[in-house]
mmCIF file of all heavy atoms, coordinates in Angstrom:
data_MODEL
# 
_entry.id   MODEL 
# 
loop_
_atom_site.group_PDB 
_atom_site.id 
_atom_site.type_symbol 
_atom_site.label_atom_id 
_atom_site.label_alt_id 
_atom_site.label_comp_id 
_atom_site.label_asym_id 
_atom_site.label_entity_id 
_atom_site.label_seq_id 
_atom_site.pdbx_PDB_ins_code 
_atom_site.Cartn_x 
_atom_site.Cartn_y 
_atom_site.Cartn_z 
_atom_site.occupancy 
_atom_site.B_iso_or_equiv 
_atom_site.pdbx_formal_charge 
_atom_site.auth_seq_id 
_atom_site.auth_comp_id 
_atom_site.auth_asym_id 
_atom_site.auth_atom_id 
_atom_site.pdbx_PDB_model_num 
ATOM 1   N N   . ILE A 1 1  ? -13.388 -7.675  3.618  1.00 0.00 ? 1  ILE A N   1 
ATOM 2   C CA  . ILE A 1 1  ? -12.625 -8.590  2.763  1.00 0.00 ? 1  ILE A CA  1 
ATOM 3   C C   . ILE A 1 1  ? -11.271 -7.970  2.427  1.00 0.00 ? 1  ILE A C   1 
ATOM 4   O O   . ILE A 1 1  ? -10.239 -8.638  2.524  1.00 0.00 ? 1  ILE A O   1 
ATOM 5   C CB  . ILE A 1 1  ? -13.409 -8.930  1.479  1.00 0.00 ? 1  ILE A CB  1 
ATOM 6   C CG1 . ILE A 1 1  ? -14.580 -9.847  1.817  1.00 0.00 ? 1  ILE A CG1 1 
ATOM 7   C CG2 . ILE A 1 1  ? -12.511 -9.585  0.445  1.00 0.00 ? 1  ILE A CG2 1 
ATOM 8   C CD1 . ILE A 1 1  ? -15.556 -10.051 0.675  1.00 0.00 ? 1  ILE A CD1 1 
ATOM 9   N N   . TYR A 1 2  ? -11.253 -6.707  2.066  1.00 0.00 ? 2  TYR A N   1 
ATOM 10  C CA  . TYR A 1 2  ? -10.006 -6.092  1.623  1.00 0.00 ? 2  TYR A CA  1 
ATOM 11  C C   . TYR A 1 2  ? -9.068  -5.782  2.794  1.00 0.00 ? 2  TYR A C   1 
ATOM 12  O O   . TYR A 1 2  ? -7.939  -6.276  2.843  1.00 0.00 ? 2  TYR A O   1 
ATOM 13  C CB  . TYR A 1 2  ? -10.296 -4.821  0.828  1.00 0.00 ? 2  TYR A CB  1 
ATOM 14  C CG  . TYR A 1 2  ? -9.049  -4.185  0.286  1.00 0.00 ? 2  TYR A CG  1 
ATOM 15  C CD1 . TYR A 1 2  ? -8.391  -4.750  -0.796 1.00 0.00 ? 2  TYR A CD1 1 
ATOM 16  C CD2 . TYR A 1 2  ? -8.518  -3.044  0.863  1.00 0.00 ? 2  TYR A CD2 1 
ATOM 17  C CE1 . TYR A 1 2  ? -7.235  -4.184  -1.296 1.00 0.00 ? 2  TYR A CE1 1 
ATOM 18  C CE2 . TYR A 1 2  ? -7.361  -2.470  0.370  1.00 0.00 ? 2  TYR A CE2 1 
ATOM 19  C CZ  . TYR A 1 2  ? -6.723  -3.042  -0.698 1.00 0.00 ? 2  TYR A CZ  1 
ATOM 20  O OH  . TYR A 1 2  ? -5.583  -2.485  -1.193 1.00 0.00 ? 2  TYR A OH  1 
ATOM 21  N N   . TYR A 1 3  ? -9.530  -4.965  3.736  1.00 0.00 ? 3  TYR A N   1 
ATOM 22  C CA  . TYR A 1 3  ? -8.630  -4.498  4.792  1.00 0.00 ? 3  TYR A CA  1 
ATOM 23  C C   . TYR A 1 3  ? -8.334  -5.574  5.837  1.00 0.00 ? 3  TYR A C   1 
ATOM 24  O O   . TYR A 1 3  ? -7.173  -5.847  6.139  1.00 0.00 ? 3  TYR A O   1 
ATOM 25  C CB  . TYR A 1 3  ? -9.201  -3.243  5.458  1.00 0.00 ? 3  TYR A CB  1 
ATOM 26  C CG  . TYR A 1 3  ? -9.212  -2.065  4.523  1.00 0.00 ? 3  TYR A CG  1 
ATOM 27  C CD1 . TYR A 1 3  ? -10.406 -1.530  4.059  1.00 0.00 ? 3  TYR A CD1 1 
ATOM 28  C CD2 . TYR A 1 3  ? -8.025  -1.500  4.080  1.00 0.00 ? 3  TYR A CD2 1 
ATOM 29  C CE1 . TYR A 1 3  ? -10.413 -0.452  3.190  1.00 0.00 ? 3  TYR A CE1 1 
ATOM 30  C CE2 . TYR A 1 3  ? -8.017  -0.429  3.203  1.00 0.00 ? 3  TYR A CE2 1 
ATOM 31  C CZ  . TYR A 1 3  ? -9.215  0.089   2.769  1.00 0.00 ? 3  TYR A CZ  1 
ATOM 32  O OH  . TYR A 1 3  ? -9.218  1.147   1.900  1.00 0.00 ? 3  TYR A OH  1 
ATOM 33  N N   . ALA A 1 4  ? -9.373  -6.168  6.404  1.00 0.00 ? 4  ALA A N   1 
ATOM 34  C CA  . ALA A 1 4  ? -9.134  -7.193  7.428  1.00 0.00 ? 4  ALA A CA  1 
ATOM 35  C C   . ALA A 1 4  ? -8.473  -8.424  6.810  1.00 0.00 ? 4  ALA A C   1 
ATOM 36  O O   . ALA A 1 4  ? -7.597  -9.031  7.424  1.00 0.00 ? 4  ALA A O   1 
ATOM 37  C CB  . ALA A 1 4  ? -10.445 -7.570  8.110  1.00 0.00 ? 4  ALA A CB  1 
ATOM 38  N N   . GLY A 1 5  ? -8.882  -8.774  5.605  1.00 0.00 ? 5  GLY A N   1 
ATOM 39  C CA  . GLY A 1 5  ? -8.279  -9.922  4.930  1.00 0.00 ? 5  GLY A CA  1 
ATOM 40  C C   . GLY A 1 5  ? -6.801  -9.709  4.652  1.00 0.00 ? 5  GLY A C   1 
ATOM 41  O O   . GLY A 1 5  ? -5.978  -10.603 4.881  1.00 0.00 ? 5  GLY A O   1 
ATOM 42  N N   . ASN A 1 6  ? -6.434  -8.517  4.176  1.00 0.00 ? 6  ASN A N   1 
ATOM 43  C CA  . ASN A 1 6  ? -5.023  -8.227  3.934  1.00 0.00 ? 6  ASN A CA  1 
ATOM 44  C C   . ASN A 1 6  ? -4.233  -8.156  5.230  1.00 0.00 ? 6  ASN A C   1 
ATOM 45  O O   . ASN A 1 6  ? -3.085  -8.591  5.282  1.00 0.00 ? 6  ASN A O   1 
ATOM 46  C CB  . ASN A 1 6  ? -4.863  -6.921  3.157  1.00 0.00 ? 6  ASN A CB  1 
ATOM 47  C CG  . ASN A 1 6  ? -5.159  -7.098  1.695  1.00 0.00 ? 6  ASN A CG  1 
ATOM 48  O OD1 . ASN A 1 6  ? -5.101  -8.201  1.163  1.00 0.00 ? 6  ASN A OD1 1 
ATOM 49  N ND2 . ASN A 1 6  ? -5.491  -6.006  1.031  1.00 0.00 ? 6  ASN A ND2 1 
ATOM 50  N N   . TRP A 1 7  ? -4.827  -7.613  6.278  1.00 0.00 ? 7  TRP A N   1 
ATOM 51  C CA  . TRP A 1 7  ? -4.129  -7.532  7.563  1.00 0.00 ? 7  TRP A CA  1 
ATOM 52  C C   . TRP A 1 7  ? -3.869  -8.936  8.112  1.00 0.00 ? 7  TRP A C   1 
ATOM 53  O O   . TRP A 1 7  ? -2.763  -9.234  8.557  1.00 0.00 ? 7  TRP A O   1 
ATOM 54  C CB  . TRP A 1 7  ? -4.952  -6.719  8.553  1.00 0.00 ? 7  TRP A CB  1 
ATOM 55  C CG  . TRP A 1 7  ? -4.313  -6.608  9.895  1.00 0.00 ? 7  TRP A CG  1 
ATOM 56  C CD1 . TRP A 1 7  ? -3.220  -5.858  10.227 1.00 0.00 ? 7  TRP A CD1 1 
ATOM 57  C CD2 . TRP A 1 7  ? -4.722  -7.286  11.079 1.00 0.00 ? 7  TRP A CD2 1 
ATOM 58  N NE1 . TRP A 1 7  ? -2.936  -6.030  11.553 1.00 0.00 ? 7  TRP A NE1 1 
ATOM 59  C CE2 . TRP A 1 7  ? -3.837  -6.902  12.106 1.00 0.00 ? 7  TRP A CE2 1 
ATOM 60  C CE3 . TRP A 1 7  ? -5.752  -8.174  11.367 1.00 0.00 ? 7  TRP A CE3 1 
ATOM 61  C CZ2 . TRP A 1 7  ? -3.954  -7.376  13.396 1.00 0.00 ? 7  TRP A CZ2 1 
ATOM 62  C CZ3 . TRP A 1 7  ? -5.867  -8.646  12.662 1.00 0.00 ? 7  TRP A CZ3 1 
ATOM 63  C CH2 . TRP A 1 7  ? -4.974  -8.250  13.658 1.00 0.00 ? 7  TRP A CH2 1 
ATOM 64  N N   . LEU A 1 8  ? -4.889  -9.788  8.072  1.00 0.00 ? 8  LEU A N   1 
ATOM 65  C CA  . LEU A 1 8  ? -4.710  -11.153 8.565  1.00 0.00 ? 8  LEU A CA  1 
ATOM 66  C C   . LEU A 1 8  ? -3.773  -11.967 7.667  1.00 0.00 ? 8  LEU A C   1 
ATOM 67  O O   . LEU A 1 8  ? -2.979  -12.773 8.155  1.00 0.00 ? 8  LEU A O   1 
ATOM 68  C CB  . LEU A 1 8  ? -6.065  -11.849 8.682  1.00 0.00 ? 8  LEU A CB  1 
ATOM 69  C CG  . LEU A 1 8  ? -6.988  -11.323 9.782  1.00 0.00 ? 8  LEU A CG  1 
ATOM 70  C CD1 . LEU A 1 8  ? -8.376  -11.926 9.635  1.00 0.00 ? 8  LEU A CD1 1 
ATOM 71  C CD2 . LEU A 1 8  ? -6.409  -11.608 11.150 1.00 0.00 ? 8  LEU A CD2 1 
ATOM 72  N N   . ALA A 1 9  ? -3.851  -11.750 6.368  1.00 0.00 ? 9  ALA A N   1 
ATOM 73  C CA  . ALA A 1 9  ? -2.989  -12.490 5.444  1.00 0.00 ? 9  ALA A CA  1 
ATOM 74  C C   . ALA A 1 9  ? -1.522  -12.085 5.592  1.00 0.00 ? 9  ALA A C   1 
ATOM 75  O O   . ALA A 1 9  ? -0.629  -12.855 5.223  1.00 0.00 ? 9  ALA A O   1 
ATOM 76  C CB  . ALA A 1 9  ? -3.453  -12.271 4.013  1.00 0.00 ? 9  ALA A CB  1 
ATOM 77  N N   . ALA A 1 10 ? -1.266  -10.906 6.132  1.00 0.00 ? 10 ALA A N   1 
ATOM 78  C CA  . ALA A 1 10 ? 0.112   -10.459 6.320  1.00 0.00 ? 10 ALA A CA  1 
ATOM 79  C C   . ALA A 1 10 ? 0.863   -11.348 7.305  1.00 0.00 ? 10 ALA A C   1 
ATOM 80  O O   . ALA A 1 10 ? 2.094   -11.414 7.276  1.00 0.00 ? 10 ALA A O   1 
ATOM 81  C CB  . ALA A 1 10 ? 0.140   -9.013  6.787  1.00 0.00 ? 10 ALA A CB  1 
ATOM 82  N N   . PHE A 1 11 ? 0.146   -12.040 8.169  1.00 0.00 ? 11 PHE A N   1 
ATOM 83  C CA  . PHE A 1 11 ? 0.775   -12.930 9.145  1.00 0.00 ? 11 PHE A CA  1 
ATOM 84  C C   . PHE A 1 11 ? 1.158   -14.282 8.542  1.00 0.00 ? 11 PHE A C   1 
ATOM 85  O O   . PHE A 1 11 ? 1.827   -15.071 9.189  1.00 0.00 ? 11 PHE A O   1 
ATOM 86  C CB  . PHE A 1 11 ? -0.145  -13.146 10.348 1.00 0.00 ? 11 PHE A CB  1 
ATOM 87  C CG  . PHE A 1 11 ? -0.379  -11.898 11.148 1.00 0.00 ? 11 PHE A CG  1 
ATOM 88  C CD1 . PHE A 1 11 ? -1.607  -11.252 11.106 1.00 0.00 ? 11 PHE A CD1 1 
ATOM 89  C CD2 . PHE A 1 11 ? 0.632   -11.359 11.925 1.00 0.00 ? 11 PHE A CD2 1 
ATOM 90  C CE1 . PHE A 1 11 ? -1.828  -10.101 11.842 1.00 0.00 ? 11 PHE A CE1 1 
ATOM 91  C CE2 . PHE A 1 11 ? 0.422   -10.203 12.658 1.00 0.00 ? 11 PHE A CE2 1 
ATOM 92  C CZ  . PHE A 1 11 ? -0.810  -9.577  12.617 1.00 0.00 ? 11 PHE A CZ  1 
ATOM 93  N N   . ILE A 1 12 ? 0.715   -14.543 7.327  1.00 0.00 ? 12 ILE A N   1 
ATOM 94  C CA  . ILE A 1 12 ? 1.007   -15.816 6.656  1.00 0.00 ? 12 ILE A CA  1 
ATOM 95  C C   . ILE A 1 12 ? 2.164   -15.590 5.688  1.00 0.00 ? 12 ILE A C   1 
ATOM 96  O O   . ILE A 1 12 ? 2.091   -14.715 4.824  1.00 0.00 ? 12 ILE A O   1 
ATOM 97  C CB  . ILE A 1 12 ? -0.239  -16.345 5.916  1.00 0.00 ? 12 ILE A CB  1 
ATOM 98  C CG1 . ILE A 1 12 ? -1.404  -16.525 6.881  1.00 0.00 ? 12 ILE A CG1 1 
ATOM 99  C CG2 . ILE A 1 12 ? 0.086   -17.654 5.206  1.00 0.00 ? 12 ILE A CG2 1 
ATOM 100 C CD1 . ILE A 1 12 ? -2.719  -16.851 6.225  1.00 0.00 ? 12 ILE A CD1 1 
ATOM 101 N N   . ASP A 1 13 ? 3.211   -16.381 5.829  1.00 0.00 ? 13 ASP A N   1 
ATOM 102 C CA  . ASP A 1 13 ? 4.398   -16.200 4.992  1.00 0.00 ? 13 ASP A CA  1 
ATOM 103 C C   . ASP A 1 13 ? 4.326   -16.933 3.665  1.00 0.00 ? 13 ASP A C   1 
ATOM 104 O O   . ASP A 1 13 ? 4.838   -16.466 2.655  1.00 0.00 ? 13 ASP A O   1 
ATOM 105 C CB  . ASP A 1 13 ? 5.648   -16.670 5.748  1.00 0.00 ? 13 ASP A CB  1 
ATOM 106 C CG  . ASP A 1 13 ? 5.962   -15.754 6.926  1.00 0.00 ? 13 ASP A CG  1 
ATOM 107 O OD1 . ASP A 1 13 ? 5.630   -14.556 6.837  1.00 0.00 ? 13 ASP A OD1 1 
ATOM 108 O OD2 . ASP A 1 13 ? 6.516   -16.238 7.927  1.00 0.00 ? 13 ASP A OD2 1 
ATOM 109 N N   . HIS A 1 14 ? 3.691   -18.059 3.624  1.00 0.00 ? 14 HIS A N   1 
ATOM 110 C CA  . HIS A 1 14 ? 3.653   -18.892 2.421  1.00 0.00 ? 14 HIS A CA  1 
ATOM 111 C C   . HIS A 1 14 ? 2.561   -18.383 1.480  1.00 0.00 ? 14 HIS A C   1 
ATOM 112 O O   . HIS A 1 14 ? 1.406   -18.222 1.868  1.00 0.00 ? 14 HIS A O   1 
ATOM 113 C CB  . HIS A 1 14 ? 3.376   -20.353 2.823  1.00 0.00 ? 14 HIS A CB  1 
ATOM 114 C CG  . HIS A 1 14 ? 3.708   -21.332 1.760  1.00 0.00 ? 14 HIS A CG  1 
ATOM 115 N ND1 . HIS A 1 14 ? 2.789   -21.721 0.836  1.00 0.00 ? 14 HIS A ND1 1 
ATOM 116 C CD2 . HIS A 1 14 ? 4.864   -21.973 1.469  1.00 0.00 ? 14 HIS A CD2 1 
ATOM 117 C CE1 . HIS A 1 14 ? 3.342   -22.585 0.010  1.00 0.00 ? 14 HIS A CE1 1 
ATOM 118 N NE2 . HIS A 1 14 ? 4.608   -22.764 0.384  1.00 0.00 ? 14 HIS A NE2 1 
ATOM 119 N N   . GLU A 1 15 ? 2.929   -18.117 0.227  1.00 0.00 ? 15 GLU A N   1 
ATOM 120 C CA  . GLU A 1 15 ? 1.992   -17.514 -0.729 1.00 0.00 ? 15 GLU A CA  1 
ATOM 121 C C   . GLU A 1 15 ? 0.794   -18.405 -1.052 1.00 0.00 ? 15 GLU A C   1 
ATOM 122 O O   . GLU A 1 15 ? -0.321  -17.918 -1.217 1.00 0.00 ? 15 GLU A O   1 
ATOM 123 C CB  . GLU A 1 15 ? 2.716   -17.140 -2.024 1.00 0.00 ? 15 GLU A CB  1 
ATOM 124 C CG  . GLU A 1 15 ? 3.631   -15.946 -1.882 1.00 0.00 ? 15 GLU A CG  1 
ATOM 125 C CD  . GLU A 1 15 ? 2.891   -14.688 -1.467 1.00 0.00 ? 15 GLU A CD  1 
ATOM 126 O OE1 . GLU A 1 15 ? 1.788   -14.420 -1.988 1.00 0.00 ? 15 GLU A OE1 1 
ATOM 127 O OE2 . GLU A 1 15 ? 3.421   -13.965 -0.598 1.00 0.00 ? 15 GLU A OE2 1 
ATOM 128 N N   . THR A 1 16 ? 0.999   -19.708 -1.127 1.00 0.00 ? 16 THR A N   1 
ATOM 129 C CA  . THR A 1 16 ? -0.113  -20.614 -1.420 1.00 0.00 ? 16 THR A CA  1 
ATOM 130 C C   . THR A 1 16 ? -1.127  -20.613 -0.285 1.00 0.00 ? 16 THR A C   1 
ATOM 131 O O   . THR A 1 16 ? -2.333  -20.567 -0.524 1.00 0.00 ? 16 THR A O   1 
ATOM 132 C CB  . THR A 1 16 ? 0.405   -22.044 -1.668 1.00 0.00 ? 16 THR A CB  1 
ATOM 133 O OG1 . THR A 1 16 ? 1.392   -21.990 -2.696 1.00 0.00 ? 16 THR A OG1 1 
ATOM 134 C CG2 . THR A 1 16 ? -0.712  -22.967 -2.082 1.00 0.00 ? 16 THR A CG2 1 
ATOM 135 N N   . LEU A 1 17 ? -0.626  -20.640 0.944  1.00 0.00 ? 17 LEU A N   1 
ATOM 136 C CA  . LEU A 1 17 ? -1.526  -20.590 2.103  1.00 0.00 ? 17 LEU A CA  1 
ATOM 137 C C   . LEU A 1 17 ? -2.222  -19.235 2.193  1.00 0.00 ? 17 LEU A C   1 
ATOM 138 O O   . LEU A 1 17 ? -3.388  -19.156 2.583  1.00 0.00 ? 17 LEU A O   1 
ATOM 139 C CB  . LEU A 1 17 ? -0.753  -20.872 3.386  1.00 0.00 ? 17 LEU A CB  1 
ATOM 140 C CG  . LEU A 1 17 ? -0.237  -22.291 3.560  1.00 0.00 ? 17 LEU A CG  1 
ATOM 141 C CD1 . LEU A 1 17 ? 0.599   -22.391 4.828  1.00 0.00 ? 17 LEU A CD1 1 
ATOM 142 C CD2 . LEU A 1 17 ? -1.382  -23.276 3.600  1.00 0.00 ? 17 LEU A CD2 1 
ATOM 143 N N   . LYS A 1 18 ? -1.509  -18.181 1.835  1.00 0.00 ? 18 LYS A N   1 
ATOM 144 C CA  . LYS A 1 18 ? -2.096  -16.845 1.853  1.00 0.00 ? 18 LYS A CA  1 
ATOM 145 C C   . LYS A 1 18 ? -3.248  -16.759 0.846  1.00 0.00 ? 18 LYS A C   1 
ATOM 146 O O   . LYS A 1 18 ? -4.315  -16.209 1.144  1.00 0.00 ? 18 LYS A O   1 
ATOM 147 C CB  . LYS A 1 18 ? -1.022  -15.805 1.525  1.00 0.00 ? 18 LYS A CB  1 
ATOM 148 C CG  . LYS A 1 18 ? -1.453  -14.383 1.755  1.00 0.00 ? 18 LYS A CG  1 
ATOM 149 C CD  . LYS A 1 18 ? -0.337  -13.402 1.416  1.00 0.00 ? 18 LYS A CD  1 
ATOM 150 C CE  . LYS A 1 18 ? 0.708   -13.436 2.505  1.00 0.00 ? 18 LYS A CE  1 
ATOM 151 N NZ  . LYS A 1 18 ? 1.672   -12.325 2.387  1.00 0.00 ? 18 LYS A NZ  1 
ATOM 152 N N   . PHE A 1 19 ? -3.050  -17.328 -0.335 1.00 0.00 ? 19 PHE A N   1 
ATOM 153 C CA  . PHE A 1 19 ? -4.093  -17.334 -1.364 1.00 0.00 ? 19 PHE A CA  1 
ATOM 154 C C   . PHE A 1 19 ? -5.312  -18.137 -0.888 1.00 0.00 ? 19 PHE A C   1 
ATOM 155 O O   . PHE A 1 19 ? -6.454  -17.690 -1.029 1.00 0.00 ? 19 PHE A O   1 
ATOM 156 C CB  . PHE A 1 19 ? -3.537  -17.914 -2.663 1.00 0.00 ? 19 PHE A CB  1 
ATOM 157 C CG  . PHE A 1 19 ? -4.551  -17.987 -3.762 1.00 0.00 ? 19 PHE A CG  1 
ATOM 158 C CD1 . PHE A 1 19 ? -4.999  -16.838 -4.389 1.00 0.00 ? 19 PHE A CD1 1 
ATOM 159 C CD2 . PHE A 1 19 ? -5.067  -19.207 -4.172 1.00 0.00 ? 19 PHE A CD2 1 
ATOM 160 C CE1 . PHE A 1 19 ? -5.932  -16.897 -5.407 1.00 0.00 ? 19 PHE A CE1 1 
ATOM 161 C CE2 . PHE A 1 19 ? -6.004  -19.273 -5.185 1.00 0.00 ? 19 PHE A CE2 1 
ATOM 162 C CZ  . PHE A 1 19 ? -6.432  -18.118 -5.800 1.00 0.00 ? 19 PHE A CZ  1 
ATOM 163 N N   . ALA A 1 20 ? -5.052  -19.312 -0.305 1.00 0.00 ? 20 ALA A N   1 
ATOM 164 C CA  . ALA A 1 20 ? -6.146  -20.138 0.213  1.00 0.00 ? 20 ALA A CA  1 
ATOM 165 C C   . ALA A 1 20 ? -6.889  -19.416 1.328  1.00 0.00 ? 20 ALA A C   1 
ATOM 166 O O   . ALA A 1 20 ? -8.127  -19.454 1.397  1.00 0.00 ? 20 ALA A O   1 
ATOM 167 C CB  . ALA A 1 20 ? -5.598  -21.473 0.705  1.00 0.00 ? 20 ALA A CB  1 
ATOM 168 N N   . PHE A 1 21 ? -6.133  -18.733 2.212  1.00 0.00 ? 21 PHE A N   1 
ATOM 169 C CA  . PHE A 1 21 ? -6.776  -17.981 3.285  1.00 0.00 ? 21 PHE A CA  1 
ATOM 170 C C   . PHE A 1 21 ? -7.680  -16.900 2.728  1.00 0.00 ? 21 PHE A C   1 
ATOM 171 O O   . PHE A 1 21 ? -8.795  -16.691 3.219  1.00 0.00 ? 21 PHE A O   1 
ATOM 172 C CB  . PHE A 1 21 ? -5.725  -17.339 4.208  1.00 0.00 ? 21 PHE A CB  1 
ATOM 173 C CG  . PHE A 1 21 ? -6.316  -16.316 5.125  1.00 0.00 ? 21 PHE A CG  1 
ATOM 174 C CD1 . PHE A 1 21 ? -7.031  -16.715 6.238  1.00 0.00 ? 21 PHE A CD1 1 
ATOM 175 C CD2 . PHE A 1 21 ? -6.201  -14.964 4.851  1.00 0.00 ? 21 PHE A CD2 1 
ATOM 176 C CE1 . PHE A 1 21 ? -7.608  -15.774 7.077  1.00 0.00 ? 21 PHE A CE1 1 
ATOM 177 C CE2 . PHE A 1 21 ? -6.776  -14.021 5.680  1.00 0.00 ? 21 PHE A CE2 1 
ATOM 178 C CZ  . PHE A 1 21 ? -7.476  -14.428 6.795  1.00 0.00 ? 21 PHE A CZ  1 
ATOM 179 N N   . ARG A 1 22 ? -7.232  -16.182 1.713  1.00 0.00 ? 22 ARG A N   1 
ATOM 180 C CA  . ARG A 1 22 ? -8.049  -15.096 1.149  1.00 0.00 ? 22 ARG A CA  1 
ATOM 181 C C   . ARG A 1 22 ? -9.345  -15.633 0.540  1.00 0.00 ? 22 ARG A C   1 
ATOM 182 O O   . ARG A 1 22 ? -10.393 -14.996 0.661  1.00 0.00 ? 22 ARG A O   1 
ATOM 183 C CB  . ARG A 1 22 ? -7.239  -14.328 0.113  1.00 0.00 ? 22 ARG A CB  1 
ATOM 184 C CG  . ARG A 1 22 ? -6.199  -13.443 0.745  1.00 0.00 ? 22 ARG A CG  1 
ATOM 185 C CD  . ARG A 1 22 ? -5.454  -12.642 -0.269 1.00 0.00 ? 22 ARG A CD  1 
ATOM 186 N NE  . ARG A 1 22 ? -4.545  -11.724 0.407  1.00 0.00 ? 22 ARG A NE  1 
ATOM 187 C CZ  . ARG A 1 22 ? -3.439  -11.258 -0.131 1.00 0.00 ? 22 ARG A CZ  1 
ATOM 188 N NH1 . ARG A 1 22 ? -3.096  -11.620 -1.347 1.00 0.00 ? 22 ARG A NH1 1 
ATOM 189 N NH2 . ARG A 1 22 ? -2.677  -10.435 0.539  1.00 0.00 ? 22 ARG A NH2 1 
ATOM 190 N N   . ILE A 1 23 ? -9.272  -16.782 -0.104 1.00 0.00 ? 23 ILE A N   1 
ATOM 191 C CA  . ILE A 1 23 ? -10.491 -17.375 -0.665 1.00 0.00 ? 23 ILE A CA  1 
ATOM 192 C C   . ILE A 1 23 ? -11.444 -17.785 0.456  1.00 0.00 ? 23 ILE A C   1 
ATOM 193 O O   . ILE A 1 23 ? -12.642 -17.479 0.407  1.00 0.00 ? 23 ILE A O   1 
ATOM 194 C CB  . ILE A 1 23 ? -10.143 -18.571 -1.571 1.00 0.00 ? 23 ILE A CB  1 
ATOM 195 C CG1 . ILE A 1 23 ? -9.452  -18.088 -2.834 1.00 0.00 ? 23 ILE A CG1 1 
ATOM 196 C CG2 . ILE A 1 23 ? -11.398 -19.372 -1.925 1.00 0.00 ? 23 ILE A CG2 1 
ATOM 197 C CD1 . ILE A 1 23 ? -8.930  -19.182 -3.724 1.00 0.00 ? 23 ILE A CD1 1 
ATOM 198 N N   . ILE A 1 24 ? -10.918 -18.459 1.473  1.00 0.00 ? 24 ILE A N   1 
ATOM 199 C CA  . ILE A 1 24 ? -11.756 -18.879 2.599  1.00 0.00 ? 24 ILE A CA  1 
ATOM 200 C C   . ILE A 1 24 ? -12.329 -17.668 3.327  1.00 0.00 ? 24 ILE A C   1 
ATOM 201 O O   . ILE A 1 24 ? -13.512 -17.655 3.689  1.00 0.00 ? 24 ILE A O   1 
ATOM 202 C CB  . ILE A 1 24 ? -10.953 -19.788 3.550  1.00 0.00 ? 24 ILE A CB  1 
ATOM 203 C CG1 . ILE A 1 24 ? -10.631 -21.106 2.848  1.00 0.00 ? 24 ILE A CG1 1 
ATOM 204 C CG2 . ILE A 1 24 ? -11.696 -20.029 4.848  1.00 0.00 ? 24 ILE A CG2 1 
ATOM 205 C CD1 . ILE A 1 24 ? -9.620  -21.966 3.574  1.00 0.00 ? 24 ILE A CD1 1 
ATOM 206 N N   . TRP A 1 25 ? -11.513 -16.642 3.539  1.00 0.00 ? 25 TRP A N   1 
ATOM 207 C CA  . TRP A 1 25 ? -11.973 -15.416 4.206  1.00 0.00 ? 25 TRP A CA  1 
ATOM 208 C C   . TRP A 1 25 ? -13.114 -14.764 3.415  1.00 0.00 ? 25 TRP A C   1 
ATOM 209 O O   . TRP A 1 25 ? -14.127 -14.355 3.985  1.00 0.00 ? 25 TRP A O   1 
ATOM 210 C CB  . TRP A 1 25 ? -10.802 -14.448 4.364  1.00 0.00 ? 25 TRP A CB  1 
ATOM 211 C CG  . TRP A 1 25 ? -11.163 -13.164 5.027  1.00 0.00 ? 25 TRP A CG  1 
ATOM 212 C CD1 . TRP A 1 25 ? -11.272 -11.950 4.440  1.00 0.00 ? 25 TRP A CD1 1 
ATOM 213 C CD2 . TRP A 1 25 ? -11.488 -12.965 6.402  1.00 0.00 ? 25 TRP A CD2 1 
ATOM 214 N NE1 . TRP A 1 25 ? -11.636 -10.999 5.354  1.00 0.00 ? 25 TRP A NE1 1 
ATOM 215 C CE2 . TRP A 1 25 ? -11.769 -11.594 6.572  1.00 0.00 ? 25 TRP A CE2 1 
ATOM 216 C CE3 . TRP A 1 25 ? -11.550 -13.809 7.499  1.00 0.00 ? 25 TRP A CE3 1 
ATOM 217 C CZ2 . TRP A 1 25 ? -12.117 -11.068 7.799  1.00 0.00 ? 25 TRP A CZ2 1 
ATOM 218 C CZ3 . TRP A 1 25 ? -11.897 -13.266 8.722  1.00 0.00 ? 25 TRP A CZ3 1 
ATOM 219 C CH2 . TRP A 1 25 ? -12.178 -11.914 8.867  1.00 0.00 ? 25 TRP A CH2 1 
ATOM 220 N N   . THR A 1 26 ? -12.963 -14.694 2.099  1.00 0.00 ? 26 THR A N   1 
ATOM 221 C CA  . THR A 1 26 ? -14.000 -14.108 1.258  1.00 0.00 ? 26 THR A CA  1 
ATOM 222 C C   . THR A 1 26 ? -15.293 -14.917 1.350  1.00 0.00 ? 26 THR A C   1 
ATOM 223 O O   . THR A 1 26 ? -16.383 -14.342 1.468  1.00 0.00 ? 26 THR A O   1 
ATOM 224 C CB  . THR A 1 26 ? -13.522 -14.032 -0.202 1.00 0.00 ? 26 THR A CB  1 
ATOM 225 O OG1 . THR A 1 26 ? -12.325 -13.251 -0.254 1.00 0.00 ? 26 THR A OG1 1 
ATOM 226 C CG2 . THR A 1 26 ? -14.569 -13.414 -1.093 1.00 0.00 ? 26 THR A CG2 1 
# 
């Protein structure tokens, strides 16, 4: 959740989409 999620979220520029991705990833 922490490392892979942050690595994948780094490719997303929009903060709202990044937040949604982290919730879905978790």
